[in-house]
Amino acid sequence: MNDELLAERFEANRGHLRAVAYRMLGSVTEADDAVQEAWLRLSRADTGEVANLAGWLTTVVGRVCLDILRSRRTRREEPLSAVPETEAADPEQEAILADSVGVALLVVLETLDPAERLAFVLHDMFAVPFDDIAPIVDRTPAAARQLASRARRRVQGAPVTPEPDLALQRQVVAAFLAASREGDFEALVAVLDPDVVTRSDAPAVPSSRGAVTVARNAITFAAIARGAHLALVDGAVGVVAFPGTPECRVLTFTIVSGKVRVIEVLTSPSAIAALTLEPLS
């Protein structure tokens, strides 16, 4: 197969591969990286005997995503950003990706073991046969089926619904902001879910997982907290720091059962400009 035809066939599968990777990783940036890695492997492979290119590529993307998920577990870190860089991507396509999964499901998926997550996503969301999933997770088809079944039970039995009560949102976010300003480690841990995840759209800022790690990071950036105030961010209670300046930061919060489960830190001017911000007195 010549290079031009190979590239055309890859582009025909790009949307599918990106959707698989996004559901696996919950991060637009990392999903694009996984798809790019699949292209690099394809360009170096002997594709003469590949009968099902779409299946081959899905397997490669699955393996790349599994490696990323296992690496996160080792580091206890989460993806750098689930927020698209709107200057470099198609906003309509980003919206389709986000709407097709939803914050709640992504939060639940993050609680799964990497192999469970892969088996569940590939089989239940993309109808990949267990015979094809098995070699990716180094299991038999029967064991892969069990992984997906266990993941399915956990997903169905652990619905995560972000808190819609604005009064409770304000109480929790205000407590987080006050504890950050004061450097109160214990108060921060108390308001955070044990598996809280932070993500930033700034490539140089590592994200993290776990109440202890997030609390320590929040104290480290106490100076930013002192320049911040509560605001409605697209209708939910969040935090805005240094508005109207190049250092502007917007923090959004997913609150579940009275605890902060996810914190998104937005620094991109284009991403912030797309938000509806209303100060809260």
Protein backbone atom coordinates (compact mmCIF):
# COMPACT_ATOMS: atom_id res chain seq x y z
CA MET A 1 0.00 0.00 0.00
CA ASN A 2 1.54 3.33 -1.01
CA ASP A 3 1.98 6.16 1.49
CA GLU A 4 -0.77 8.34 0.00
CA LEU A 5 -3.38 5.59 0.14
CA LEU A 6 -2.27 4.63 3.64
CA ALA A 7 -2.69 8.23 4.80
CA GLU A 8 -6.14 8.44 3.23
CA ARG A 9 -7.29 5.27 4.95
CA PHE A 10 -5.91 6.48 8.27
CA GLU A 11 -7.73 9.81 7.94
CA ALA A 12 -10.94 7.91 7.24
CA ASN A 13 -10.53 6.22 10.63
CA ARG A 14 -9.25 9.23 12.59
CA GLY A 15 -12.66 10.26 13.99
CA HIS A 16 -13.35 6.76 15.29
CA LEU A 17 -9.87 6.44 16.81
CA ARG A 18 -10.14 9.83 18.48
CA ALA A 19 -13.51 8.92 19.97
CA VAL A 20 -12.08 5.67 21.36
CA ALA A 21 -9.06 7.45 22.83
CA TYR A 22 -11.13 10.25 24.36
CA ARG A 23 -13.43 7.81 26.13
CA MET A 24 -10.42 5.91 27.38
CA LEU A 25 -8.43 8.92 28.56
CA GLY A 26 -10.95 11.71 29.20
CA SER A 27 -8.49 14.18 27.72
CA VAL A 28 -8.66 15.75 24.26
CA THR A 29 -4.92 16.45 24.23
CA GLU A 30 -3.93 12.93 25.22
CA ALA A 31 -6.49 11.43 22.85
CA ASP A 32 -4.89 13.32 19.96
CA ASP A 33 -1.45 12.17 21.13
CA ALA A 34 -2.64 8.54 21.16
CA VAL A 35 -4.05 8.86 17.64
CA GLN A 36 -0.80 10.43 16.44
CA GLU A 37 1.16 7.55 17.97
CA ALA A 38 -1.10 5.12 16.09
CA TRP A 39 -0.24 6.89 12.83
CA LEU A 40 3.49 6.69 13.60
CA ARG A 41 3.22 2.96 14.28
CA LEU A 42 1.17 2.47 11.15
CA SER A 43 3.69 4.33 9.01
CA ARG A 44 6.47 2.07 10.30
CA ALA A 45 4.51 -1.21 10.04
CA ASP A 46 4.24 -3.71 7.23
CA THR A 47 0.55 -3.35 6.40
CA GLY A 48 0.56 -5.75 3.46
CA GLU A 49 -1.08 -8.51 5.50
CA VAL A 50 -3.46 -6.30 7.52
CA ALA A 51 -6.94 -7.36 6.40
CA ASN A 52 -8.88 -5.10 8.79
CA LEU A 53 -7.08 -1.77 9.06
CA ALA A 54 -9.77 -0.21 11.30
CA GLY A 55 -9.50 -3.10 13.75
CA TRP A 56 -5.70 -2.97 13.65
CA LEU A 57 -5.69 0.76 14.41
CA THR A 58 -8.26 0.37 17.19
CA THR A 59 -6.03 -2.26 18.78
CA VAL A 60 -3.00 0.02 18.56
CA VAL A 61 -4.86 2.97 20.07
CA GLY A 62 -6.20 0.71 22.82
CA ARG A 63 -2.69 -0.40 23.72
CA VAL A 64 -1.37 3.16 23.71
CA CYS A 65 -4.22 4.30 25.95
CA LEU A 66 -3.71 1.37 28.29
CA ASP A 67 -0.04 2.33 28.69
CA ILE A 68 -1.05 5.92 29.47
CA LEU A 69 -3.64 4.82 32.03
CA ARG A 70 -1.19 2.49 33.75
CA SER A 71 1.41 5.25 33.83
CA ARG A 72 -1.12 7.55 35.52
CA ARG A 73 -1.80 4.91 38.16
CA THR A 74 1.92 4.60 38.85
CA ARG A 75 2.32 8.38 39.20
CA ARG A 76 -1.14 8.88 40.76
CA GLU A 77 -1.73 11.59 38.16
CA GLU A 78 -4.52 12.45 35.77
CA PRO A 79 -4.47 13.93 32.27
CA LEU A 80 -3.16 17.43 31.82
CA SER A 81 -6.38 18.66 30.30
CA ALA A 82 -9.85 17.56 29.42
CA VAL A 83 -10.44 21.08 28.16
CA PRO A 84 -9.77 21.57 24.44
CA GLU A 85 -7.37 24.19 23.16
CA THR A 86 -9.92 25.95 20.99
CA GLU A 87 -7.31 27.75 18.92
CA ALA A 88 -5.92 24.46 17.62
CA ALA A 89 -9.04 22.33 17.32
CA ASP A 90 -12.51 22.35 15.83
CA PRO A 91 -14.86 23.59 18.60
CA GLU A 92 -17.81 21.76 17.07
CA GLN A 93 -15.97 18.45 17.16
CA GLU A 94 -14.79 19.10 20.73
CA ALA A 95 -18.39 19.74 21.78
CA ILE A 96 -19.52 16.51 20.14
CA LEU A 97 -16.88 14.57 22.05
CA ALA A 98 -17.72 16.16 25.38
CA ASP A 99 -21.47 15.79 24.98
CA SER A 100 -21.18 12.15 23.93
CA VAL A 101 -19.51 11.20 27.19
CA GLY A 102 -20.37 13.73 29.85
CA VAL A 103 -18.46 14.76 32.96
CA ALA A 104 -20.32 12.32 35.21
CA LEU A 105 -19.43 9.24 33.18
CA LEU A 106 -15.80 10.32 32.81
CA VAL A 107 -15.54 10.72 36.58
CA VAL A 108 -16.90 7.20 37.08
CA LEU A 109 -14.59 5.76 34.40
CA GLU A 110 -11.62 7.25 36.22
CA THR A 111 -12.38 4.97 39.19
CA LEU A 112 -11.93 1.83 37.07
CA ASP A 113 -8.80 -0.24 36.76
CA PRO A 114 -7.10 0.49 33.40
CA ALA A 115 -7.84 -2.97 32.01
CA GLU A 116 -11.47 -2.73 33.15
CA ARG A 117 -11.83 0.66 31.55
CA LEU A 118 -10.40 -0.53 28.25
CA ALA A 119 -12.57 -3.64 28.14
CA PHE A 120 -15.70 -1.66 29.02
CA VAL A 121 -15.07 1.19 26.58
CA LEU A 122 -14.09 -0.99 23.64
CA HIS A 123 -16.84 -3.56 24.08
CA ASP A 124 -19.78 -1.60 25.47
CA MET A 125 -19.21 1.65 23.58
CA PHE A 126 -17.65 0.42 20.33
CA ALA A 127 -18.77 -3.23 20.10
CA VAL A 128 -15.23 -4.57 19.78
CA PRO A 129 -15.31 -8.38 20.23
CA PHE A 130 -13.68 -9.85 23.34
CA ASP A 131 -11.46 -11.95 21.07
CA ASP A 132 -9.88 -8.66 19.90
CA ILE A 133 -9.81 -7.07 23.36
CA ALA A 134 -8.14 -10.06 25.04
CA PRO A 135 -4.61 -9.65 23.57
CA ILE A 136 -4.60 -5.92 24.38
CA VAL A 137 -5.11 -6.58 28.11
CA ASP A 138 -3.11 -9.85 28.11
CA ARG A 139 -6.13 -11.92 29.11
CA THR A 140 -8.19 -14.70 27.62
CA PRO A 141 -11.45 -13.66 25.91
CA ALA A 142 -13.36 -15.04 28.90
CA ALA A 143 -11.27 -12.96 31.31
CA ALA A 144 -11.73 -9.86 29.13
CA ARG A 145 -15.47 -10.45 29.28
CA GLN A 146 -15.26 -10.57 33.07
CA LEU A 147 -13.32 -7.29 33.11
CA ALA A 148 -16.04 -5.58 31.09
CA SER A 149 -18.78 -7.12 33.23
CA ARG A 150 -17.13 -5.95 36.45
CA ALA A 151 -16.63 -2.46 35.02
CA ARG A 152 -20.26 -2.37 33.85
CA ARG A 153 -21.52 -3.21 37.35
CA ARG A 154 -19.36 -0.48 38.85
CA VAL A 155 -20.52 2.09 36.33
CA GLN A 156 -24.17 1.18 36.78
CA GLY A 157 -23.89 1.02 40.55
CA ALA A 158 -21.91 4.20 41.07
CA PRO A 159 -23.62 7.04 39.26
CA VAL A 160 -21.86 10.35 39.75
CA THR A 161 -24.13 13.34 39.41
CA PRO A 162 -22.57 16.78 39.84
CA GLU A 163 -24.26 18.80 42.59
CA PRO A 164 -26.87 21.16 41.02
CA ASP A 165 -27.56 23.11 44.24
CA LEU A 166 -25.92 26.52 43.79
CA ALA A 167 -26.05 27.26 47.52
CA LEU A 168 -24.16 24.07 48.32
CA GLN A 169 -21.75 24.70 45.43
CA ARG A 170 -21.02 28.13 46.83
CA GLN A 171 -20.47 26.78 50.33
CA VAL A 172 -18.02 24.12 49.16
CA VAL A 173 -16.10 26.34 46.71
CA ALA A 174 -15.92 29.18 49.27
CA ALA A 175 -14.50 26.76 51.82
CA PHE A 176 -11.91 25.58 49.30
CA LEU A 177 -10.92 29.15 48.41
CA ALA A 178 -10.68 30.27 52.05
CA ALA A 179 -8.57 27.26 53.04
CA SER A 180 -6.28 27.85 50.05
CA ARG A 181 -5.76 31.49 51.00
CA GLU A 182 -5.01 30.61 54.61
CA GLY A 183 -2.81 27.63 53.82
CA ASP A 184 -5.07 25.44 55.95
CA PHE A 185 -4.12 21.93 54.87
CA GLU A 186 -6.63 20.09 57.07
CA ALA A 187 -9.51 22.30 55.94
CA LEU A 188 -8.58 21.68 52.30
CA VAL A 189 -8.46 17.91 52.74
CA ALA A 190 -11.85 18.06 54.47
CA VAL A 191 -13.54 19.70 51.48
CA LEU A 192 -11.92 17.45 48.85
CA ASP A 193 -13.08 14.03 47.71
CA PRO A 194 -10.36 11.42 48.47
CA ASP A 195 -9.99 10.80 44.71
CA VAL A 196 -10.25 14.44 43.64
CA VAL A 197 -8.68 15.17 40.26
CA THR A 198 -7.15 18.44 39.09
CA ARG A 199 -6.55 19.25 35.43
CA SER A 200 -5.00 22.26 33.77
CA ASP A 201 -4.94 23.34 30.15
CA ALA A 202 -1.43 24.75 30.68
CA PRO A 203 1.04 22.11 29.42
CA ALA A 204 3.69 23.17 31.96
CA VAL A 205 1.37 22.62 34.93
CA PRO A 206 1.14 19.00 36.07
CA SER A 207 -2.23 17.76 37.17
CA SER A 208 -2.77 15.51 40.13
CA ARG A 209 -5.08 13.16 41.94
CA GLY A 210 -5.86 12.56 45.60
CA ALA A 211 -6.91 14.92 48.39
CA VAL A 212 -3.46 15.12 50.00
CA THR A 213 -1.66 15.98 46.76
CA VAL A 214 -4.29 18.47 45.62
CA ALA A 215 -4.35 20.15 49.04
CA ARG A 216 -0.57 20.56 49.00
CA ASN A 217 -0.70 22.06 45.52
CA ALA A 218 -3.49 24.45 46.54
CA ILE A 219 -1.35 25.74 49.41
CA THR A 220 1.61 26.18 47.08
CA PHE A 221 -0.50 28.49 44.91
CA ALA A 222 -1.95 30.46 47.84
CA ALA A 223 -0.89 33.73 46.22
CA ILE A 224 -3.23 33.04 43.32
CA ALA A 225 -6.05 32.25 45.74
CA ARG A 226 -5.55 35.62 47.45
CA GLY A 227 -6.12 37.31 44.09
CA ALA A 228 -9.25 35.29 43.35
CA HIS A 229 -12.97 35.60 43.98
CA LEU A 230 -16.09 33.50 43.60
CA ALA A 231 -17.97 33.74 40.31
CA LEU A 232 -20.63 32.00 38.31
CA VAL A 233 -18.84 30.18 35.49
CA ASP A 234 -21.34 29.14 32.84
CA GLY A 235 -23.98 29.04 35.56
CA ALA A 236 -22.02 27.04 38.15
CA VAL A 237 -20.01 28.34 41.10
CA GLY A 238 -16.32 28.65 40.31
CA VAL A 239 -13.32 30.88 40.97
CA VAL A 240 -11.76 33.65 38.87
CA ALA A 241 -8.28 34.98 39.63
CA PHE A 242 -6.73 38.17 38.21
CA PRO A 243 -9.56 38.91 35.75
CA GLY A 244 -8.73 41.13 32.79
CA THR A 245 -4.99 40.37 32.99
CA PRO A 246 -2.70 37.98 31.10
CA GLU A 247 -2.44 35.99 34.36
CA CYS A 248 -6.20 35.36 34.48
CA ARG A 249 -7.17 31.92 35.76
CA VAL A 250 -10.61 30.33 35.95
CA LEU A 251 -11.29 27.31 38.14
CA THR A 252 -14.37 25.18 37.65
CA PHE A 253 -15.51 22.55 40.14
CA THR A 254 -17.43 19.29 39.95
CA ILE A 255 -18.99 18.74 43.37
CA VAL A 256 -20.40 15.38 44.36
CA SER A 257 -21.94 14.60 47.77
CA GLY A 258 -20.66 17.86 49.20
CA LYS A 259 -17.04 17.26 48.19
CA VAL A 260 -14.90 18.61 45.34
CA ARG A 261 -14.42 15.74 42.87
CA VAL A 262 -12.87 17.53 39.85
CA ILE A 263 -11.09 20.89 39.49
CA GLU A 264 -10.45 22.28 36.02
CA VAL A 265 -7.93 25.15 35.75
CA LEU A 266 -8.32 27.23 32.60
CA THR A 267 -5.52 29.55 31.53
CA SER A 268 -6.03 29.80 27.76
CA PRO A 269 -7.36 33.27 26.83
CA SER A 270 -9.53 31.78 24.10
CA ALA A 271 -11.03 29.19 26.45
CA ILE A 272 -11.71 31.82 29.12
CA ALA A 273 -13.23 34.20 26.55
CA ALA A 274 -15.75 31.51 25.62
CA LEU A 275 -17.05 31.33 29.21
CA THR A 276 -19.90 33.32 30.72
CA LEU A 277 -18.53 34.83 33.95
CA GLU A 278 -20.63 36.61 36.59
CA PRO A 279 -19.02 37.84 39.84
CA LEU A 280 -20.54 36.67 43.13
CA SER A 281 -20.50 39.14 45.97
